[in-house]
Amino acid sequence: MKHGKNYQDSVKLYDRQKSYESKEALDLVVKTAKAKFDETVELSVKLGVDPRHADQQVRGTVVLPHGTGKKVTVLVFAKGDKAAEAEAAGADFVGAEELVTKIQSENWFDFDVCVATPDMMSVVGRIARLLGPKGLMPNPKSGTVTMDVAKAIADIKAGKVEYRVDKTAIIHVPIGKVSFGQEKLAENFKVIMDAIVRAKPSAAKGTYLKSIAVSSTMGPGIKITYNI
């Protein structure tokens, strides 16, 4: 793969074979981000689990102290008092069957997160095949199926992120923007890493954290040394 001049300049700023302490690595991520836009910083963690087994799944949510830097659009499936509660809490879209129809007929997905009250899940289930592949299906494990819609919305708007191991046993999760600077990125990094360590399945054997790296949207990956 051929990289551009900015990328080539970035890789000269660090040793690609070396693993760095987290704060130094994040400082390098900021320095190697050369794009003209505010790049997202992503954390990638390779785990020593077999995601084919249900008892080795790693999944959870955490509210980053400094958020992700992204404005999140929230859709809520709710009726009556809960719909009013969602609107008051700052949901961008609130509704019931009419939103299901809009998604089905217009292929409409102008939202980032979908929250639903438990009583609405039979309605939401009609579009599970549309929401699921996009990672938008409400789920109790991620806190998006709940009666406390106000708290769910507040957490999401404050910077709640979901981490989930993929089929290659890697977690990819955003931890902020380059403009945050090293200090805020380091605080977000610590919170998400602590959560991943706590989520270690009892069935996982051997080394749990196999490799850790951070990168900006257009920048190179920088390996991190992490001690539990």
C-alpha atoms as a PDB file:
ATOM      1  CA  MET A   1       0.000   0.000   0.000  1.00  0.00           C
ATOM      2  CA  LYS A   2       1.414   3.380  -1.040  1.00  0.00           C
ATOM      3  CA  HIS A   3       1.074   6.173   1.508  1.00  0.00           C
ATOM      4  CA  GLY A   4       1.121   9.939   0.911  1.00  0.00           C
ATOM      5  CA  LYS A   5       3.819  12.420   1.888  1.00  0.00           C
ATOM      6  CA  ASN A   6       2.151  13.376   5.194  1.00  0.00           C
ATOM      7  CA  TYR A   7       2.039   9.735   6.280  1.00  0.00           C
ATOM      8  CA  GLN A   8       5.666   9.200   5.251  1.00  0.00           C
ATOM      9  CA  ASP A   9       6.666  12.292   7.254  1.00  0.00           C
ATOM     10  CA  SER A  10       4.711  11.028  10.267  1.00  0.00           C
ATOM     11  CA  VAL A  11       6.408   7.632  10.446  1.00  0.00           C
ATOM     12  CA  LYS A  12       9.789   9.373  10.683  1.00  0.00           C
ATOM     13  CA  LEU A  13       8.772  10.804  14.057  1.00  0.00           C
ATOM     14  CA  TYR A  14       8.850   7.501  15.944  1.00  0.00           C
ATOM     15  CA  ASP A  15      10.264   3.975  15.960  1.00  0.00           C
ATOM     16  CA  ARG A  16       7.718   1.638  14.349  1.00  0.00           C
ATOM     17  CA  GLN A  17       9.224  -1.393  16.082  1.00  0.00           C
ATOM     18  CA  LYS A  18       9.042   0.120  19.556  1.00  0.00           C
ATOM     19  CA  SER A  19       6.199   0.028  22.082  1.00  0.00           C
ATOM     20  CA  TYR A  20       5.718   3.262  24.011  1.00  0.00           C
ATOM     21  CA  GLU A  21       4.196   4.140  27.367  1.00  0.00           C
ATOM     22  CA  SER A  22       0.622   5.333  26.823  1.00  0.00           C
ATOM     23  CA  LYS A  23       1.205   9.054  27.411  1.00  0.00           C
ATOM     24  CA  GLU A  24       4.217   9.117  25.077  1.00  0.00           C
ATOM     25  CA  ALA A  25       2.286   7.162  22.441  1.00  0.00           C
ATOM     26  CA  LEU A  26      -0.637   9.574  22.616  1.00  0.00           C
ATOM     27  CA  ASP A  27       1.714  12.539  22.377  1.00  0.00           C
ATOM     28  CA  LEU A  28       3.102  10.948  19.197  1.00  0.00           C
ATOM     29  CA  VAL A  29      -0.416  10.421  17.837  1.00  0.00           C
ATOM     30  CA  VAL A  30      -1.039  14.152  18.173  1.00  0.00           C
ATOM     31  CA  LYS A  31       2.280  14.994  16.523  1.00  0.00           C
ATOM     32  CA  THR A  32       1.818  12.548  13.641  1.00  0.00           C
ATOM     33  CA  ALA A  33      -1.700  13.777  12.759  1.00  0.00           C
ATOM     34  CA  LYS A  34      -1.123  15.839   9.623  1.00  0.00           C
ATOM     35  CA  ALA A  35      -4.634  16.103   8.124  1.00  0.00           C
ATOM     36  CA  LYS A  36      -6.355  19.464   7.741  1.00  0.00           C
ATOM     37  CA  PHE A  37      -9.354  18.258   9.756  1.00  0.00           C
ATOM     38  CA  ASP A  38      -9.597  17.271  13.429  1.00  0.00           C
ATOM     39  CA  GLU A  39      -8.762  13.585  13.236  1.00  0.00           C
ATOM     40  CA  THR A  40     -10.364  10.984  15.485  1.00  0.00           C
ATOM     41  CA  VAL A  41      -7.984   8.991  17.686  1.00  0.00           C
ATOM     42  CA  GLU A  42      -8.814   5.275  17.744  1.00  0.00           C
ATOM     43  CA  LEU A  43      -7.683   2.616  20.182  1.00  0.00           C
ATOM     44  CA  SER A  44      -7.194  -0.949  18.919  1.00  0.00           C
ATOM     45  CA  VAL A  45      -6.754  -3.785  21.403  1.00  0.00           C
ATOM     46  CA  LYS A  46      -5.982  -7.369  20.353  1.00  0.00           C
ATOM     47  CA  LEU A  47      -7.288  -9.773  22.987  1.00  0.00           C
ATOM     48  CA  GLY A  48      -6.389 -13.326  23.873  1.00  0.00           C
ATOM     49  CA  VAL A  49      -9.962 -14.572  23.583  1.00  0.00           C
ATOM     50  CA  ASP A  50     -11.862 -16.737  21.113  1.00  0.00           C
ATOM     51  CA  PRO A  51     -14.918 -14.655  20.158  1.00  0.00           C
ATOM     52  CA  ARG A  52     -16.556 -17.725  18.609  1.00  0.00           C
ATOM     53  CA  HIS A  53     -17.416 -18.822  22.146  1.00  0.00           C
ATOM     54  CA  ALA A  54     -20.197 -17.054  24.015  1.00  0.00           C
ATOM     55  CA  ASP A  55     -18.282 -17.247  27.302  1.00  0.00           C
ATOM     56  CA  GLN A  56     -15.348 -15.329  25.803  1.00  0.00           C
ATOM     57  CA  GLN A  57     -17.243 -12.313  24.503  1.00  0.00           C
ATOM     58  CA  VAL A  58     -15.956  -8.929  25.650  1.00  0.00           C
ATOM     59  CA  ARG A  59     -18.488  -6.135  25.451  1.00  0.00           C
ATOM     60  CA  GLY A  60     -19.517  -3.147  27.497  1.00  0.00           C
ATOM     61  CA  THR A  61     -19.996   0.591  27.655  1.00  0.00           C
ATOM     62  CA  VAL A  62     -18.188   3.396  29.406  1.00  0.00           C
ATOM     63  CA  VAL A  63     -18.575   7.167  29.598  1.00  0.00           C
ATOM     64  CA  LEU A  64     -15.323   8.836  28.600  1.00  0.00           C
ATOM     65  CA  PRO A  65     -14.465  11.762  30.911  1.00  0.00           C
ATOM     66  CA  HIS A  66     -13.845  14.059  27.939  1.00  0.00           C
ATOM     67  CA  GLY A  67     -16.271  12.477  25.488  1.00  0.00           C
ATOM     68  CA  THR A  68     -15.371  11.571  21.918  1.00  0.00           C
ATOM     69  CA  GLY A  69     -15.478  15.047  20.404  1.00  0.00           C
ATOM     70  CA  LYS A  70     -18.267  13.964  18.105  1.00  0.00           C
ATOM     71  CA  LYS A  71     -21.799  15.363  18.161  1.00  0.00           C
ATOM     72  CA  VAL A  72     -24.009  12.310  18.596  1.00  0.00           C
ATOM     73  CA  THR A  73     -27.523  12.169  17.135  1.00  0.00           C
ATOM     74  CA  VAL A  74     -29.879  10.077  19.265  1.00  0.00           C
ATOM     75  CA  LEU A  75     -33.150   8.474  18.161  1.00  0.00           C
ATOM     76  CA  VAL A  76     -35.532   7.171  20.817  1.00  0.00           C
ATOM     77  CA  PHE A  77     -38.396   4.735  20.337  1.00  0.00           C
ATOM     78  CA  ALA A  78     -40.911   5.573  23.072  1.00  0.00           C
ATOM     79  CA  LYS A  79     -44.528   6.534  23.679  1.00  0.00           C
ATOM     80  CA  GLY A  80     -46.459   8.728  26.105  1.00  0.00           C
ATOM     81  CA  ASP A  81     -44.622   9.996  29.164  1.00  0.00           C
ATOM     82  CA  LYS A  82     -41.378   8.297  28.112  1.00  0.00           C
ATOM     83  CA  ALA A  83     -41.485  10.056  24.737  1.00  0.00           C
ATOM     84  CA  ALA A  84     -41.941  13.386  26.519  1.00  0.00           C
ATOM     85  CA  GLU A  85     -39.071  12.484  28.865  1.00  0.00           C
ATOM     86  CA  ALA A  86     -36.831  11.692  25.887  1.00  0.00           C
ATOM     87  CA  GLU A  87     -37.646  14.998  24.208  1.00  0.00           C
ATOM     88  CA  ALA A  88     -36.941  16.915  27.412  1.00  0.00           C
ATOM     89  CA  ALA A  89     -33.608  15.083  27.780  1.00  0.00           C
ATOM     90  CA  GLY A  90     -32.437  16.253  24.362  1.00  0.00           C
ATOM     91  CA  ALA A  91     -33.169  13.338  22.041  1.00  0.00           C
ATOM     92  CA  ASP A  92     -32.911  14.382  18.400  1.00  0.00           C
ATOM     93  CA  PHE A  93     -35.729  12.138  17.173  1.00  0.00           C
ATOM     94  CA  VAL A  94     -38.530  10.583  19.218  1.00  0.00           C
ATOM     95  CA  GLY A  95     -41.359   8.387  17.993  1.00  0.00           C
ATOM     96  CA  ALA A  96     -42.776   4.914  17.574  1.00  0.00           C
ATOM     97  CA  GLU A  97     -44.313   3.116  14.584  1.00  0.00           C
ATOM     98  CA  GLU A  98     -43.944   6.189  12.358  1.00  0.00           C
ATOM     99  CA  LEU A  99     -40.146   6.073  12.763  1.00  0.00           C
ATOM    100  CA  VAL A 100     -40.110   2.377  11.887  1.00  0.00           C
ATOM    101  CA  THR A 101     -42.066   3.172   8.718  1.00  0.00           C
ATOM    102  CA  LYS A 102     -39.694   6.035   7.856  1.00  0.00           C
ATOM    103  CA  ILE A 103     -36.629   3.792   8.229  1.00  0.00           C
ATOM    104  CA  GLN A 104     -38.254   1.013   6.188  1.00  0.00           C
ATOM    105  CA  SER A 105     -39.627   3.146   3.362  1.00  0.00           C
ATOM    106  CA  GLU A 106     -36.947   5.811   3.047  1.00  0.00           C
ATOM    107  CA  ASN A 107     -33.860   3.842   4.105  1.00  0.00           C
ATOM    108  CA  TRP A 108     -33.369   6.656   6.613  1.00  0.00           C
ATOM    109  CA  PHE A 109     -30.477   6.457   9.057  1.00  0.00           C
ATOM    110  CA  ASP A 110     -29.703  10.042  10.064  1.00  0.00           C
ATOM    111  CA  PHE A 111     -28.842   9.071  13.631  1.00  0.00           C
ATOM    112  CA  ASP A 112     -25.861   7.583  15.475  1.00  0.00           C
ATOM    113  CA  VAL A 113     -27.466   5.775  18.403  1.00  0.00           C
ATOM    114  CA  CYS A 114     -30.877   4.203  18.891  1.00  0.00           C
ATOM    115  CA  VAL A 115     -32.532   3.915  22.318  1.00  0.00           C
ATOM    116  CA  ALA A 116     -35.809   2.130  23.054  1.00  0.00           C
ATOM    117  CA  THR A 117     -38.048   1.464  26.037  1.00  0.00           C
ATOM    118  CA  PRO A 118     -38.621  -2.263  26.627  1.00  0.00           C
ATOM    119  CA  ASP A 119     -42.278  -2.077  25.549  1.00  0.00           C
ATOM    120  CA  MET A 120     -41.199  -0.782  22.125  1.00  0.00           C
ATOM    121  CA  MET A 121     -38.859  -3.658  21.296  1.00  0.00           C
ATOM    122  CA  SER A 122     -41.548  -5.675  19.516  1.00  0.00           C
ATOM    123  CA  VAL A 123     -42.011  -2.698  17.189  1.00  0.00           C
ATOM    124  CA  VAL A 124     -38.274  -2.118  16.769  1.00  0.00           C
ATOM    125  CA  GLY A 125     -37.845  -5.819  16.026  1.00  0.00           C
ATOM    126  CA  ARG A 126     -39.549  -5.269  12.667  1.00  0.00           C
ATOM    127  CA  ILE A 127     -36.446  -3.412  11.474  1.00  0.00           C
ATOM    128  CA  ALA A 128     -33.822  -5.486  13.294  1.00  0.00           C
ATOM    129  CA  ARG A 129     -32.412  -6.647   9.951  1.00  0.00           C
ATOM    130  CA  LEU A 130     -31.884  -3.001   8.961  1.00  0.00           C
ATOM    131  CA  LEU A 131     -30.527  -1.718  12.271  1.00  0.00           C
ATOM    132  CA  GLY A 132     -28.393  -4.724  13.201  1.00  0.00           C
ATOM    133  CA  PRO A 133     -25.779  -4.581  10.391  1.00  0.00           C
ATOM    134  CA  LYS A 134     -25.262  -0.876  11.110  1.00  0.00           C
ATOM    135  CA  GLY A 135     -24.724  -1.457  14.827  1.00  0.00           C
ATOM    136  CA  LEU A 136     -27.864   0.527  15.647  1.00  0.00           C
ATOM    137  CA  MET A 137     -30.085  -2.144  17.194  1.00  0.00           C
ATOM    138  CA  PRO A 138     -30.964  -1.250  20.814  1.00  0.00           C
ATOM    139  CA  ASN A 139     -29.541  -3.737  23.298  1.00  0.00           C
ATOM    140  CA  PRO A 140     -29.921  -4.066  27.084  1.00  0.00           C
ATOM    141  CA  LYS A 141     -26.196  -4.879  27.425  1.00  0.00           C
ATOM    142  CA  SER A 142     -25.254  -1.507  25.957  1.00  0.00           C
ATOM    143  CA  GLY A 143     -27.851   0.329  28.032  1.00  0.00           C
ATOM    144  CA  THR A 144     -29.926   1.318  25.021  1.00  0.00           C
ATOM    145  CA  VAL A 145     -32.997  -0.694  26.034  1.00  0.00           C
ATOM    146  CA  THR A 146     -34.148   1.023  29.206  1.00  0.00           C
ATOM    147  CA  MET A 147     -36.999   2.786  30.960  1.00  0.00           C
ATOM    148  CA  ASP A 148     -34.573   5.465  32.139  1.00  0.00           C
ATOM    149  CA  VAL A 149     -34.340   7.140  28.739  1.00  0.00           C
ATOM    150  CA  ALA A 150     -33.210  10.458  30.215  1.00  0.00           C
ATOM    151  CA  LYS A 151     -30.094   8.888  31.752  1.00  0.00           C
ATOM    152  CA  ALA A 152     -29.366   6.911  28.579  1.00  0.00           C
ATOM    153  CA  ILE A 153     -29.525  10.076  26.478  1.00  0.00           C
ATOM    154  CA  ALA A 154     -27.427  12.061  28.959  1.00  0.00           C
ATOM    155  CA  ASP A 155     -24.723   9.373  29.014  1.00  0.00           C
ATOM    156  CA  ILE A 156     -24.631   9.095  25.225  1.00  0.00           C
ATOM    157  CA  LYS A 157     -24.429  12.856  24.753  1.00  0.00           C
ATOM    158  CA  ALA A 158     -21.710  13.046  27.429  1.00  0.00           C
ATOM    159  CA  GLY A 159     -19.454  10.647  25.549  1.00  0.00           C
ATOM    160  CA  LYS A 160     -20.614   7.111  26.239  1.00  0.00           C
ATOM    161  CA  VAL A 161     -18.936   4.594  23.945  1.00  0.00           C
ATOM    162  CA  GLU A 162     -19.482   0.906  23.414  1.00  0.00           C
ATOM    163  CA  TYR A 163     -16.534  -1.465  23.125  1.00  0.00           C
ATOM    164  CA  ARG A 164     -17.020  -4.909  21.620  1.00  0.00           C
ATOM    165  CA  VAL A 165     -14.590  -7.563  20.475  1.00  0.00           C
ATOM    166  CA  ASP A 166     -14.959  -8.385  16.762  1.00  0.00           C
ATOM    167  CA  LYS A 167     -14.584 -11.770  15.071  1.00  0.00           C
ATOM    168  CA  THR A 168     -10.798 -11.261  14.830  1.00  0.00           C
ATOM    169  CA  ALA A 169     -10.598 -10.732  18.641  1.00  0.00           C
ATOM    170  CA  ILE A 170      -9.883  -7.000  18.286  1.00  0.00           C
ATOM    171  CA  ILE A 171     -11.653  -4.085  19.946  1.00  0.00           C
ATOM    172  CA  HIS A 172     -11.718  -0.822  17.986  1.00  0.00           C
ATOM    173  CA  VAL A 173     -13.024   2.198  19.874  1.00  0.00           C
ATOM    174  CA  PRO A 174     -12.633   6.001  19.501  1.00  0.00           C
ATOM    175  CA  ILE A 175     -11.066   7.809  22.460  1.00  0.00           C
ATOM    176  CA  GLY A 176     -11.326  11.412  21.291  1.00  0.00           C
ATOM    177  CA  LYS A 177      -9.998  13.920  18.801  1.00  0.00           C
ATOM    178  CA  VAL A 178      -6.435  15.065  18.085  1.00  0.00           C
ATOM    179  CA  SER A 179      -7.446  18.551  19.296  1.00  0.00           C
ATOM    180  CA  PHE A 180      -7.983  17.128  22.809  1.00  0.00           C
ATOM    181  CA  GLY A 181      -4.230  16.975  23.298  1.00  0.00           C
ATOM    182  CA  GLN A 182      -2.229  14.293  25.067  1.00  0.00           C
ATOM    183  CA  GLU A 183      -3.566  14.874  28.587  1.00  0.00           C
ATOM    184  CA  LYS A 184      -7.281  14.473  27.836  1.00  0.00           C
ATOM    185  CA  LEU A 185      -6.633  11.575  25.462  1.00  0.00           C
ATOM    186  CA  ALA A 186      -4.606   9.855  28.190  1.00  0.00           C
ATOM    187  CA  GLU A 187      -7.464  10.191  30.678  1.00  0.00           C
ATOM    188  CA  ASN A 188      -9.950   8.751  28.167  1.00  0.00           C
ATOM    189  CA  PHE A 189      -7.485   5.969  27.343  1.00  0.00           C
ATOM    190  CA  LYS A 190      -7.137   4.984  31.005  1.00  0.00           C
ATOM    191  CA  VAL A 191     -10.904   4.802  31.538  1.00  0.00           C
ATOM    192  CA  ILE A 192     -11.528   2.589  28.502  1.00  0.00           C
ATOM    193  CA  MET A 193      -8.537   0.328  29.204  1.00  0.00           C
ATOM    194  CA  ASP A 194      -9.613  -0.144  32.833  1.00  0.00           C
ATOM    195  CA  ALA A 195     -13.061  -1.172  31.579  1.00  0.00           C
ATOM    196  CA  ILE A 196     -11.633  -3.671  29.076  1.00  0.00           C
ATOM    197  CA  VAL A 197      -9.406  -5.222  31.754  1.00  0.00           C
ATOM    198  CA  ARG A 198     -12.370  -5.546  34.139  1.00  0.00           C
ATOM    199  CA  ALA A 199     -14.376  -7.215  31.377  1.00  0.00           C
ATOM    200  CA  LYS A 200     -11.910 -10.103  31.028  1.00  0.00           C
ATOM    201  CA  PRO A 201     -13.938 -13.331  30.709  1.00  0.00           C
ATOM    202  CA  SER A 202     -13.180 -16.030  33.276  1.00  0.00           C
ATOM    203  CA  ALA A 203     -12.938 -18.499  30.372  1.00  0.00           C
ATOM    204  CA  ALA A 204     -10.072 -16.574  28.754  1.00  0.00           C
ATOM    205  CA  LYS A 205      -6.734 -18.323  29.206  1.00  0.00           C
ATOM    206  CA  GLY A 206      -3.169 -17.102  28.715  1.00  0.00           C
ATOM    207  CA  THR A 207      -2.277 -13.519  27.837  1.00  0.00           C
ATOM    208  CA  TYR A 208      -5.382 -11.323  27.776  1.00  0.00           C
ATOM    209  CA  LEU A 209      -3.958  -8.090  26.343  1.00  0.00           C
ATOM    210  CA  LYS A 210      -1.957  -9.273  23.337  1.00  0.00           C
ATOM    211  CA  SER A 211      -1.293  -5.919  21.673  1.00  0.00           C
ATOM    212  CA  ILE A 212      -2.447  -2.323  21.985  1.00  0.00           C
ATOM    213  CA  ALA A 213      -2.115   0.497  19.471  1.00  0.00           C
ATOM    214  CA  VAL A 214      -3.461   3.987  18.888  1.00  0.00           C
ATOM    215  CA  SER A 215      -3.765   5.905  15.653  1.00  0.00           C
ATOM    216  CA  SER A 216      -5.380   9.011  14.229  1.00  0.00           C
ATOM    217  CA  THR A 217      -7.741   8.802  11.253  1.00  0.00           C
ATOM    218  CA  MET A 218      -5.023   9.388   8.667  1.00  0.00           C
ATOM    219  CA  GLY A 219      -1.969   8.616  10.780  1.00  0.00           C
ATOM    220  CA  PRO A 220       0.123   5.509  11.499  1.00  0.00           C
ATOM    221  CA  GLY A 221      -0.481   3.075  14.337  1.00  0.00           C
ATOM    222  CA  ILE A 222       1.681   3.459  17.421  1.00  0.00           C
ATOM    223  CA  LYS A 223       2.153   0.476  19.738  1.00  0.00           C
ATOM    224  CA  ILE A 224       1.625   0.815  23.469  1.00  0.00           C
ATOM    225  CA  THR A 225       3.180  -0.963  26.425  1.00  0.00           C
ATOM    226  CA  TYR A 226       0.497  -1.531  29.037  1.00  0.00           C
ATOM    227  CA  ASN A 227       0.918  -3.058  32.456  1.00  0.00           C
ATOM    228  CA  ILE A 228      -2.103  -4.372  34.345  1.00  0.00           C
END
